[in-house]
Amino acid sequence: MWAWGVSLAMLMAVTGCGARPVVHRGHVAARPPAVMDPGKLAKKLESMQPGWPRARRIDCAHLKCVALTFDDGPGDYTDGLLDLLRDRGVRATFFVVGQMVAADKGGHCTRRIVAEGHEIGNHSWSHLSLPELSDHALRFQLKHTGDLVESLTGVRMRVMRPPYGATSRRVAAEARREGLAQILWSVDTLDWRDRVPAVVTRRAGRAGVGAIVLMHDIHRTTVEAVPGLLDLLAKKGYTLVTISELYGRTPAPGRMYTAR
């Protein structure tokens, strides 16, 4: 068991999560982007309320909403993606892997996800197929990740995505005990397999109203696909939201969701 009793000052001492690319349409430059001042970020995180994430005034019962979700990070390209989403005024949901959070330098990207209004979700500790684990191992995968993210951000996650979309009654029961709704997807971009930005953009662009789109922020080509995707969805009149905003509330613990 790792000890997570790290002071806020220590956690904020190092900023950046791996290489922090600046994202442009079609390529990734090496110039590091401007990021939120660590002091301001810490102050914002400390002010978070238990009800986070607080939804904006968005009514997806009347708007054409789509939820973009990113799995497996934070990684080398997450900062660049966050820059892009910030500049476009878009919020998304990030399902983080505990081991990746532990490797995040000073917790920078993990904290930034929360501070900039995105929803953060539990994607297990080490991306194992949860139904195949013992009860003890299953509990560790969800609880250890949840405890680490809470220690870094002050936020207790309320949504989870089982790796590979693999779930079971036992997984649902453990998710319920941890206060986590199970979020799957209705649009799979297969961006882990086909690492071509135009292909990822086209597949994600097929999303209909109420869709949950699956992508991965650990792939450079996925991040490169996002500007074109945002343009495409904007032309279709879609409003891009977090998972909780899509449903107008925090989804029910243990229950499985694939689209609105």
Protein backbone atom coordinates (compact mmCIF):
# COMPACT_ATOMS: atom_id res chain seq x y z
CA MET A 1 0.00 0.00 0.00
CA TRP A 2 1.34 3.42 -0.98
CA ALA A 3 1.24 6.30 1.45
CA TRP A 4 -0.62 9.29 0.00
CA GLY A 5 -0.17 11.71 2.90
CA VAL A 6 1.55 14.30 0.73
CA SER A 7 1.27 17.98 1.50
CA LEU A 8 -0.42 20.32 -0.93
CA ALA A 9 2.82 22.25 -1.31
CA MET A 10 4.70 19.10 -2.31
CA LEU A 11 2.01 18.06 -4.75
CA MET A 12 2.03 21.43 -6.46
CA ALA A 13 5.82 21.66 -6.59
CA VAL A 14 6.03 19.88 -9.93
CA THR A 15 3.74 20.87 -12.80
CA GLY A 16 3.15 19.12 -16.08
CA CYS A 17 2.28 15.52 -16.92
CA GLY A 18 4.97 14.12 -19.16
CA ALA A 19 5.45 15.91 -22.45
CA ARG A 20 2.89 18.68 -22.70
CA PRO A 21 2.23 19.16 -26.42
CA VAL A 22 0.42 22.08 -27.92
CA VAL A 23 -2.32 20.73 -30.15
CA HIS A 24 -2.89 22.13 -33.63
CA ARG A 25 -4.99 20.71 -36.41
CA GLY A 26 -2.96 17.96 -38.02
CA HIS A 27 0.16 18.01 -35.85
CA VAL A 28 1.51 18.37 -32.33
CA ALA A 29 4.16 20.98 -31.63
CA ALA A 30 6.75 20.68 -28.90
CA ARG A 31 6.26 24.13 -27.37
CA PRO A 32 4.84 23.77 -23.83
CA PRO A 33 1.50 25.53 -23.29
CA ALA A 34 0.58 28.04 -20.64
CA VAL A 35 -1.08 26.29 -17.72
CA MET A 36 -2.94 27.46 -14.65
CA ASP A 37 -0.69 28.91 -11.97
CA PRO A 38 -0.12 26.22 -9.30
CA GLY A 39 -1.22 28.56 -6.51
CA LYS A 40 -4.47 29.44 -8.26
CA LEU A 41 -5.06 25.79 -9.08
CA ALA A 42 -4.57 24.76 -5.44
CA LYS A 43 -6.92 27.50 -4.23
CA LYS A 44 -9.59 26.48 -6.72
CA LEU A 45 -9.34 22.84 -5.75
CA GLU A 46 -9.55 23.64 -2.04
CA SER A 47 -12.81 25.53 -2.68
CA MET A 48 -14.51 22.53 -4.27
CA GLN A 49 -17.79 21.55 -2.62
CA PRO A 50 -18.98 17.99 -1.92
CA GLY A 51 -21.55 18.30 -4.72
CA TRP A 52 -18.91 18.62 -7.43
CA PRO A 53 -19.16 18.50 -10.37
CA ARG A 54 -21.69 21.33 -10.38
CA ALA A 55 -23.61 21.27 -13.63
CA ARG A 56 -23.83 24.35 -15.79
CA ARG A 57 -27.24 25.59 -16.80
CA ILE A 58 -27.61 23.03 -19.56
CA ASP A 59 -30.85 21.15 -20.15
CA CYS A 60 -30.11 18.08 -22.26
CA ALA A 61 -33.81 17.28 -22.35
CA HIS A 62 -34.12 20.17 -24.81
CA LEU A 63 -30.61 20.56 -26.25
CA LYS A 64 -28.74 18.25 -28.61
CA CYS A 65 -26.17 17.00 -26.10
CA VAL A 66 -23.22 14.67 -26.63
CA ALA A 67 -20.73 13.54 -23.98
CA LEU A 68 -17.10 13.13 -25.03
CA THR A 69 -15.15 10.78 -22.76
CA PHE A 70 -11.43 10.04 -22.60
CA ASP A 71 -9.96 6.90 -21.02
CA ASP A 72 -6.64 5.58 -19.70
CA GLY A 73 -4.88 8.81 -18.74
CA PRO A 74 -3.58 11.11 -17.60
CA GLY A 75 -0.73 10.78 -20.06
CA ASP A 76 1.72 12.71 -22.18
CA TYR A 77 -0.98 14.33 -24.33
CA THR A 78 -3.56 15.16 -21.67
CA ASP A 79 -2.25 18.67 -21.03
CA GLY A 80 -2.49 19.50 -24.73
CA LEU A 81 -6.03 18.15 -24.84
CA LEU A 82 -6.98 20.20 -21.78
CA ASP A 83 -5.59 23.32 -23.46
CA LEU A 84 -7.66 22.64 -26.53
CA LEU A 85 -10.88 22.00 -24.60
CA ARG A 86 -10.30 25.10 -22.46
CA ASP A 87 -9.78 27.29 -25.50
CA ARG A 88 -12.98 25.98 -27.08
CA GLY A 89 -15.05 26.18 -23.90
CA VAL A 90 -15.74 22.43 -23.94
CA ARG A 91 -16.09 20.10 -20.98
CA ALA A 92 -15.58 16.36 -21.13
CA THR A 93 -15.30 13.36 -18.81
CA PHE A 94 -11.94 11.74 -18.08
CA PHE A 95 -11.85 8.16 -16.82
CA VAL A 96 -8.44 7.89 -15.17
CA VAL A 97 -6.34 4.83 -14.36
CA GLY A 98 -4.90 4.83 -10.84
CA GLN A 99 -1.39 3.89 -11.92
CA MET A 100 -1.40 6.76 -14.43
CA VAL A 101 -2.57 9.17 -11.73
CA ALA A 102 0.26 7.94 -9.50
CA ALA A 103 2.72 8.62 -12.34
CA ASP A 104 1.26 12.09 -13.03
CA LYS A 105 3.97 14.56 -11.98
CA GLY A 106 2.75 16.18 -8.78
CA GLY A 107 -0.81 15.22 -9.71
CA HIS A 108 -0.81 18.17 -12.11
CA CYS A 109 -3.06 16.81 -14.85
CA THR A 110 -5.39 15.09 -12.41
CA ARG A 111 -5.87 18.35 -10.52
CA ARG A 112 -6.23 20.33 -13.71
CA ILE A 113 -9.03 18.06 -14.99
CA VAL A 114 -11.03 18.87 -11.88
CA ALA A 115 -10.12 22.56 -11.64
CA GLU A 116 -11.17 23.27 -15.22
CA GLY A 117 -14.65 21.84 -14.75
CA HIS A 118 -14.32 18.45 -16.38
CA GLU A 119 -15.79 15.38 -14.76
CA ILE A 120 -13.32 12.78 -13.50
CA GLY A 121 -14.16 9.10 -13.32
CA ASN A 122 -12.64 5.87 -12.03
CA HIS A 123 -11.16 3.51 -14.65
CA SER A 124 -9.62 1.07 -12.12
CA TRP A 125 -6.09 0.97 -10.74
CA SER A 126 -4.31 -1.10 -13.41
CA HIS A 127 -6.85 -1.62 -16.22
CA LEU A 128 -7.61 -5.27 -15.50
CA SER A 129 -10.82 -7.04 -16.48
CA LEU A 130 -12.81 -6.55 -13.28
CA PRO A 131 -15.16 -9.58 -13.51
CA GLU A 132 -12.15 -11.90 -13.44
CA LEU A 133 -10.81 -10.58 -10.14
CA SER A 134 -11.39 -11.79 -6.59
CA ASP A 135 -13.64 -9.68 -4.37
CA HIS A 136 -10.59 -8.26 -2.59
CA ALA A 137 -8.78 -7.38 -5.82
CA LEU A 138 -11.90 -5.85 -7.33
CA ARG A 139 -12.39 -3.67 -4.26
CA PHE A 140 -8.73 -2.58 -4.43
CA GLN A 141 -8.99 -1.58 -8.12
CA LEU A 142 -11.84 0.86 -7.45
CA LYS A 143 -11.20 2.02 -3.89
CA HIS A 144 -7.45 2.61 -4.20
CA THR A 145 -7.96 4.72 -7.33
CA GLY A 146 -10.81 6.62 -5.69
CA ASP A 147 -8.78 7.32 -2.57
CA LEU A 148 -5.79 8.57 -4.56
CA VAL A 149 -7.84 10.94 -6.73
CA GLU A 150 -9.64 12.26 -3.66
CA SER A 151 -6.33 12.87 -1.87
CA LEU A 152 -5.07 14.89 -4.85
CA THR A 153 -8.22 16.84 -5.71
CA GLY A 154 -10.60 16.72 -2.76
CA VAL A 155 -13.19 15.18 -5.07
CA ARG A 156 -14.77 11.76 -4.59
CA MET A 157 -15.50 10.31 -8.02
CA ARG A 158 -19.11 9.36 -8.76
CA VAL A 159 -18.74 7.61 -12.11
CA MET A 160 -16.59 4.72 -13.29
CA ARG A 161 -15.91 2.90 -16.54
CA PRO A 162 -14.99 -0.78 -16.30
CA PRO A 163 -11.93 -1.56 -18.45
CA TYR A 164 -12.91 -3.12 -21.80
CA GLY A 165 -16.55 -2.44 -20.85
CA ALA A 166 -16.42 -5.75 -18.94
CA THR A 167 -18.84 -5.83 -16.03
CA SER A 168 -20.89 -8.27 -13.98
CA ARG A 169 -23.25 -8.36 -11.02
CA ARG A 170 -20.26 -8.38 -8.67
CA VAL A 171 -18.72 -5.39 -10.41
CA ALA A 172 -22.04 -3.55 -10.26
CA ALA A 173 -22.36 -4.33 -6.55
CA GLU A 174 -18.84 -3.10 -5.78
CA ALA A 175 -19.41 0.03 -7.85
CA ARG A 176 -22.57 0.67 -5.87
CA ARG A 177 -20.67 0.29 -2.58
CA GLU A 178 -18.12 2.83 -3.82
CA GLY A 179 -20.87 5.22 -4.95
CA LEU A 180 -19.98 4.84 -8.63
CA ALA A 181 -22.28 4.63 -11.64
CA GLN A 182 -21.08 2.39 -14.48
CA ILE A 183 -20.64 4.44 -17.67
CA LEU A 184 -20.18 2.57 -20.93
CA TRP A 185 -20.63 4.15 -24.38
CA SER A 186 -22.73 4.27 -27.53
CA VAL A 187 -20.00 5.35 -29.97
CA ASP A 188 -16.65 3.54 -30.03
CA THR A 189 -14.05 5.37 -32.13
CA LEU A 190 -11.61 2.43 -32.00
CA ASP A 191 -8.90 5.08 -31.72
CA TRP A 192 -6.60 2.64 -29.90
CA ARG A 193 -6.53 0.49 -33.04
CA ASP A 194 -6.83 2.93 -35.93
CA ARG A 195 -4.51 5.78 -35.06
CA VAL A 196 -5.47 8.07 -37.92
CA PRO A 197 -6.96 11.44 -36.86
CA ALA A 198 -9.35 11.67 -39.83
CA VAL A 199 -10.72 8.19 -39.08
CA VAL A 200 -11.24 9.01 -35.39
CA THR A 201 -12.96 12.30 -36.29
CA ARG A 202 -15.28 10.59 -38.75
CA ARG A 203 -16.30 7.83 -36.33
CA ALA A 204 -16.85 10.17 -33.40
CA GLY A 205 -18.76 12.54 -35.68
CA ARG A 206 -21.43 9.88 -36.18
CA ALA A 207 -22.64 10.49 -32.64
CA GLY A 208 -26.34 11.14 -32.30
CA VAL A 209 -28.21 13.11 -29.67
CA GLY A 210 -27.51 11.74 -26.19
CA ALA A 211 -24.46 9.75 -27.28
CA ILE A 212 -21.49 8.87 -25.10
CA VAL A 213 -18.33 8.84 -27.23
CA LEU A 214 -15.35 6.67 -26.23
CA MET A 215 -11.82 7.96 -26.92
CA HIS A 216 -8.39 7.74 -25.26
CA ASP A 217 -6.28 10.75 -24.33
CA ILE A 218 -3.10 8.64 -24.19
CA HIS A 219 -2.91 8.59 -28.01
CA ARG A 220 -1.44 11.57 -29.85
CA THR A 221 -3.56 10.84 -32.91
CA THR A 222 -6.74 11.02 -30.85
CA VAL A 223 -5.83 14.45 -29.52
CA GLU A 224 -5.03 15.55 -33.07
CA ALA A 225 -8.53 14.42 -34.11
CA VAL A 226 -10.31 16.55 -31.52
CA PRO A 227 -10.22 19.99 -33.24
CA GLY A 228 -11.87 18.63 -36.37
CA LEU A 229 -14.36 16.70 -34.25
CA LEU A 230 -15.35 19.81 -32.28
CA ASP A 231 -15.88 21.69 -35.55
CA LEU A 232 -17.99 18.87 -36.96
CA LEU A 233 -20.20 18.53 -33.88
CA ALA A 234 -20.61 22.30 -33.63
CA LYS A 235 -21.88 22.42 -37.22
CA LYS A 236 -24.47 19.81 -36.26
CA GLY A 237 -25.64 22.00 -33.40
CA TYR A 238 -24.49 19.74 -30.59
CA THR A 239 -23.74 20.88 -27.05
CA LEU A 240 -20.80 19.02 -25.52
CA VAL A 241 -21.28 18.07 -21.88
CA THR A 242 -19.98 15.92 -19.05
CA ILE A 243 -21.67 12.64 -18.11
CA SER A 244 -23.51 14.17 -15.16
CA GLU A 245 -24.66 17.08 -17.32
CA LEU A 246 -25.90 14.66 -19.97
CA TYR A 247 -28.27 13.09 -17.45
CA GLY A 248 -29.02 16.28 -15.55
CA ARG A 249 -27.81 14.70 -12.32
CA THR A 250 -25.14 12.41 -10.95
CA PRO A 251 -26.00 8.95 -12.32
CA ALA A 252 -27.16 6.30 -9.84
CA PRO A 253 -24.42 4.18 -8.20
CA GLY A 254 -24.09 0.68 -9.63
CA ARG A 255 -26.42 1.32 -12.53
CA MET A 256 -25.08 0.95 -16.10
CA TYR A 257 -25.44 3.75 -18.67
CA THR A 258 -24.64 3.70 -22.38
CA ALA A 259 -26.43 6.81 -23.70
CA ARG A 260 -29.12 9.24 -22.62
